[in-house]
Amino acid sequence: MSKSVLPVNLAEKLSQFSELWSPKTVAVLNDYEVKLVKVKGEFVWHTHEDTDELFLVISGRLTIQLREGDVVLEPGELFVVPRGVEHCPVADEETAILLFEPAGTLNTGDVGGPMTKAAEFLD
């Protein structure tokens, strides 16, 4: 991914893909990736043992299921899942999310499986 002097337009980047649960890297900050992802339905329960994970809802509505209770996010709201906390994102409608996490973090954390997708870079 090349360094750019242009701002990243999130709406433009979101218009470039339609796949669900398939993160796209739109910027890099030090050793972290800023990713966009569209989601709908239920993901898999998983943890990230070595890192926190930031979810920022751009559009739609996201529920992050936690064993101790659900966190519901509306557009413009964010939540940080602490490292090692098992969670499962769910969206009843198509929802656009910005994720902020260390480069190379897998979307399914420690569980792997068919929903695992490495983030692709969007130019």
C-alpha atoms as a PDB file:
ATOM      1  CA  MET A   1       0.000   0.000   0.000  1.00  0.00           C
ATOM      2  CA  SER A   2       1.495   3.316  -0.986  1.00  0.00           C
ATOM      3  CA  LYS A   3       1.519   6.393   1.230  1.00  0.00           C
ATOM      4  CA  SER A   4      -0.872   9.035  -0.047  1.00  0.00           C
ATOM      5  CA  VAL A   5      -1.352  12.720   0.617  1.00  0.00           C
ATOM      6  CA  LEU A   6      -5.061  12.399  -0.162  1.00  0.00           C
ATOM      7  CA  PRO A   7      -7.705  11.822   2.499  1.00  0.00           C
ATOM      8  CA  VAL A   8      -9.463   8.468   2.667  1.00  0.00           C
ATOM      9  CA  ASN A   9     -13.133   8.850   1.738  1.00  0.00           C
ATOM     10  CA  LEU A  10     -14.891   6.084   3.646  1.00  0.00           C
ATOM     11  CA  ALA A  11     -18.105   6.215   1.563  1.00  0.00           C
ATOM     12  CA  GLU A  12     -16.073   5.911  -1.646  1.00  0.00           C
ATOM     13  CA  LYS A  13     -14.102   2.958  -0.262  1.00  0.00           C
ATOM     14  CA  LEU A  14     -17.288   1.232   0.913  1.00  0.00           C
ATOM     15  CA  SER A  15     -18.765   1.606  -2.600  1.00  0.00           C
ATOM     16  CA  GLN A  16     -15.859  -0.421  -4.032  1.00  0.00           C
ATOM     17  CA  PHE A  17     -16.927  -3.767  -2.558  1.00  0.00           C
ATOM     18  CA  SER A  18     -20.027  -5.736  -1.609  1.00  0.00           C
ATOM     19  CA  GLU A  19     -18.647  -8.898   0.030  1.00  0.00           C
ATOM     20  CA  LEU A  20     -19.789  -9.473   3.593  1.00  0.00           C
ATOM     21  CA  TRP A  21     -17.400 -10.299   6.446  1.00  0.00           C
ATOM     22  CA  SER A  22     -14.406  -9.593   4.176  1.00  0.00           C
ATOM     23  CA  PRO A  23     -12.273  -6.778   5.668  1.00  0.00           C
ATOM     24  CA  LYS A  24     -10.558  -4.241   3.403  1.00  0.00           C
ATOM     25  CA  THR A  25      -7.540  -2.250   4.591  1.00  0.00           C
ATOM     26  CA  VAL A  26      -7.853   1.440   3.708  1.00  0.00           C
ATOM     27  CA  ALA A  27      -4.989   2.933   5.748  1.00  0.00           C
ATOM     28  CA  VAL A  28      -1.986   1.946   7.826  1.00  0.00           C
ATOM     29  CA  LEU A  29      -0.932   3.719  11.009  1.00  0.00           C
ATOM     30  CA  ASN A  30       2.392   2.499  12.419  1.00  0.00           C
ATOM     31  CA  ASP A  31       1.832  -1.246  12.901  1.00  0.00           C
ATOM     32  CA  TYR A  32      -1.962  -0.951  12.773  1.00  0.00           C
ATOM     33  CA  GLU A  33      -4.447  -1.317   9.937  1.00  0.00           C
ATOM     34  CA  VAL A  34      -7.623   0.693   9.497  1.00  0.00           C
ATOM     35  CA  LYS A  35     -10.127  -1.677   7.901  1.00  0.00           C
ATOM     36  CA  LEU A  36     -13.616  -1.385   6.494  1.00  0.00           C
ATOM     37  CA  VAL A  37     -15.991  -4.316   6.496  1.00  0.00           C
ATOM     38  CA  LYS A  38     -19.632  -4.869   5.601  1.00  0.00           C
ATOM     39  CA  VAL A  39     -21.488  -7.345   7.770  1.00  0.00           C
ATOM     40  CA  LYS A  40     -24.907  -8.959   7.969  1.00  0.00           C
ATOM     41  CA  GLY A  41     -26.020 -11.937   9.997  1.00  0.00           C
ATOM     42  CA  GLU A  42     -24.033 -13.594  12.751  1.00  0.00           C
ATOM     43  CA  PHE A  43     -20.256 -14.091  12.743  1.00  0.00           C
ATOM     44  CA  VAL A  44     -18.408 -16.667  14.873  1.00  0.00           C
ATOM     45  CA  TRP A  45     -17.585 -16.534  18.566  1.00  0.00           C
ATOM     46  CA  HIS A  46     -13.860 -15.807  18.858  1.00  0.00           C
ATOM     47  CA  THR A  47     -11.136 -14.056  20.830  1.00  0.00           C
ATOM     48  CA  HIS A  48      -7.986 -12.125  20.024  1.00  0.00           C
ATOM     49  CA  GLU A  49      -5.573 -13.149  22.767  1.00  0.00           C
ATOM     50  CA  ASP A  50      -2.906 -10.561  21.922  1.00  0.00           C
ATOM     51  CA  THR A  51      -4.842  -7.435  21.015  1.00  0.00           C
ATOM     52  CA  ASP A  52      -7.851  -5.258  21.711  1.00  0.00           C
ATOM     53  CA  GLU A  53     -10.234  -4.720  18.768  1.00  0.00           C
ATOM     54  CA  LEU A  54     -11.979  -1.435  17.971  1.00  0.00           C
ATOM     55  CA  PHE A  55     -15.371  -1.456  16.201  1.00  0.00           C
ATOM     56  CA  LEU A  56     -16.791   1.853  14.875  1.00  0.00           C
ATOM     57  CA  VAL A  57     -20.210   1.685  13.191  1.00  0.00           C
ATOM     58  CA  ILE A  58     -20.469   3.855  10.081  1.00  0.00           C
ATOM     59  CA  SER A  59     -23.962   2.789   8.997  1.00  0.00           C
ATOM     60  CA  GLY A  60     -26.476   0.216  10.153  1.00  0.00           C
ATOM     61  CA  ARG A  61     -26.510  -1.290  13.628  1.00  0.00           C
ATOM     62  CA  LEU A  62     -24.131  -3.780  15.204  1.00  0.00           C
ATOM     63  CA  THR A  63     -24.583  -5.968  18.245  1.00  0.00           C
ATOM     64  CA  ILE A  64     -21.415  -7.315  19.800  1.00  0.00           C
ATOM     65  CA  GLN A  65     -22.397 -10.333  21.824  1.00  0.00           C
ATOM     66  CA  LEU A  66     -20.274 -10.854  24.915  1.00  0.00           C
ATOM     67  CA  ARG A  67     -20.691 -13.661  27.437  1.00  0.00           C
ATOM     68  CA  GLU A  68     -21.640 -11.081  30.092  1.00  0.00           C
ATOM     69  CA  GLY A  69     -24.121  -9.191  27.875  1.00  0.00           C
ATOM     70  CA  ASP A  70     -24.614  -7.520  24.511  1.00  0.00           C
ATOM     71  CA  VAL A  71     -23.253  -4.158  23.371  1.00  0.00           C
ATOM     72  CA  VAL A  72     -25.415  -2.450  20.725  1.00  0.00           C
ATOM     73  CA  LEU A  73     -23.756   0.152  18.494  1.00  0.00           C
ATOM     74  CA  GLU A  74     -25.508   2.730  16.343  1.00  0.00           C
ATOM     75  CA  PRO A  75     -23.835   4.845  13.602  1.00  0.00           C
ATOM     76  CA  GLY A  76     -21.091   7.013  15.061  1.00  0.00           C
ATOM     77  CA  GLU A  77     -20.596   4.778  18.103  1.00  0.00           C
ATOM     78  CA  LEU A  78     -17.574   2.663  18.866  1.00  0.00           C
ATOM     79  CA  PHE A  79     -16.639  -0.084  21.274  1.00  0.00           C
ATOM     80  CA  VAL A  80     -13.315  -1.676  22.124  1.00  0.00           C
ATOM     81  CA  VAL A  81     -13.366  -5.400  22.820  1.00  0.00           C
ATOM     82  CA  PRO A  82     -10.504  -6.032  25.257  1.00  0.00           C
ATOM     83  CA  ARG A  83      -7.901  -8.636  24.359  1.00  0.00           C
ATOM     84  CA  GLY A  84      -8.871 -12.138  25.366  1.00  0.00           C
ATOM     85  CA  VAL A  85     -12.612 -11.371  25.599  1.00  0.00           C
ATOM     86  CA  GLU A  86     -14.769 -13.780  23.612  1.00  0.00           C
ATOM     87  CA  HIS A  87     -17.198 -11.966  21.317  1.00  0.00           C
ATOM     88  CA  CYS A  88     -19.498 -12.478  18.352  1.00  0.00           C
ATOM     89  CA  PRO A  89     -20.603  -9.597  16.085  1.00  0.00           C
ATOM     90  CA  VAL A  90     -24.185  -9.726  14.765  1.00  0.00           C
ATOM     91  CA  ALA A  91     -26.038  -7.409  12.378  1.00  0.00           C
ATOM     92  CA  ASP A  92     -29.701  -7.788  11.431  1.00  0.00           C
ATOM     93  CA  GLU A  93     -29.225  -5.404   8.493  1.00  0.00           C
ATOM     94  CA  GLU A  94     -26.190  -4.705   6.322  1.00  0.00           C
ATOM     95  CA  THR A  95     -23.848  -2.676   8.496  1.00  0.00           C
ATOM     96  CA  ALA A  96     -20.617  -0.891   7.606  1.00  0.00           C
ATOM     97  CA  ILE A  97     -17.896  -0.946  10.252  1.00  0.00           C
ATOM     98  CA  LEU A  98     -14.437   0.529  10.648  1.00  0.00           C
ATOM     99  CA  LEU A  99     -11.982  -1.714  12.502  1.00  0.00           C
ATOM    100  CA  PHE A 100      -8.659  -0.666  13.998  1.00  0.00           C
ATOM    101  CA  GLU A 101      -6.258  -3.468  14.865  1.00  0.00           C
ATOM    102  CA  PRO A 102      -2.631  -4.608  14.515  1.00  0.00           C
ATOM    103  CA  ALA A 103      -1.560  -5.533  10.985  1.00  0.00           C
ATOM    104  CA  GLY A 104      -2.134  -9.199  10.247  1.00  0.00           C
ATOM    105  CA  THR A 105      -4.930  -9.681  12.795  1.00  0.00           C
ATOM    106  CA  LEU A 106      -7.299 -12.367  11.508  1.00  0.00           C
ATOM    107  CA  ASN A 107     -11.009 -11.609  11.627  1.00  0.00           C
ATOM    108  CA  THR A 108     -11.790 -14.940  13.306  1.00  0.00           C
ATOM    109  CA  GLY A 109      -9.076 -14.585  15.931  1.00  0.00           C
ATOM    110  CA  ASP A 110      -8.170 -17.893  17.508  1.00  0.00           C
ATOM    111  CA  VAL A 111     -10.912 -20.080  15.986  1.00  0.00           C
ATOM    112  CA  GLY A 112     -10.109 -19.980  12.253  1.00  0.00           C
ATOM    113  CA  GLY A 113     -12.552 -21.748   9.969  1.00  0.00           C
ATOM    114  CA  PRO A 114     -14.332 -20.961   6.699  1.00  0.00           C
ATOM    115  CA  MET A 115     -15.143 -17.343   7.638  1.00  0.00           C
ATOM    116  CA  THR A 116     -11.455 -16.466   8.091  1.00  0.00           C
ATOM    117  CA  LYS A 117     -10.408 -13.780   5.633  1.00  0.00           C
ATOM    118  CA  ALA A 118      -7.129 -11.927   5.465  1.00  0.00           C
ATOM    119  CA  ALA A 119      -7.682  -8.216   4.895  1.00  0.00           C
ATOM    120  CA  GLU A 120      -7.215  -7.049   1.309  1.00  0.00           C
ATOM    121  CA  PHE A 121      -5.814  -3.594   0.536  1.00  0.00           C
ATOM    122  CA  LEU A 122      -8.091  -1.151  -1.275  1.00  0.00           C
ATOM    123  CA  ASP A 123      -6.355   1.509  -3.355  1.00  0.00           C
END
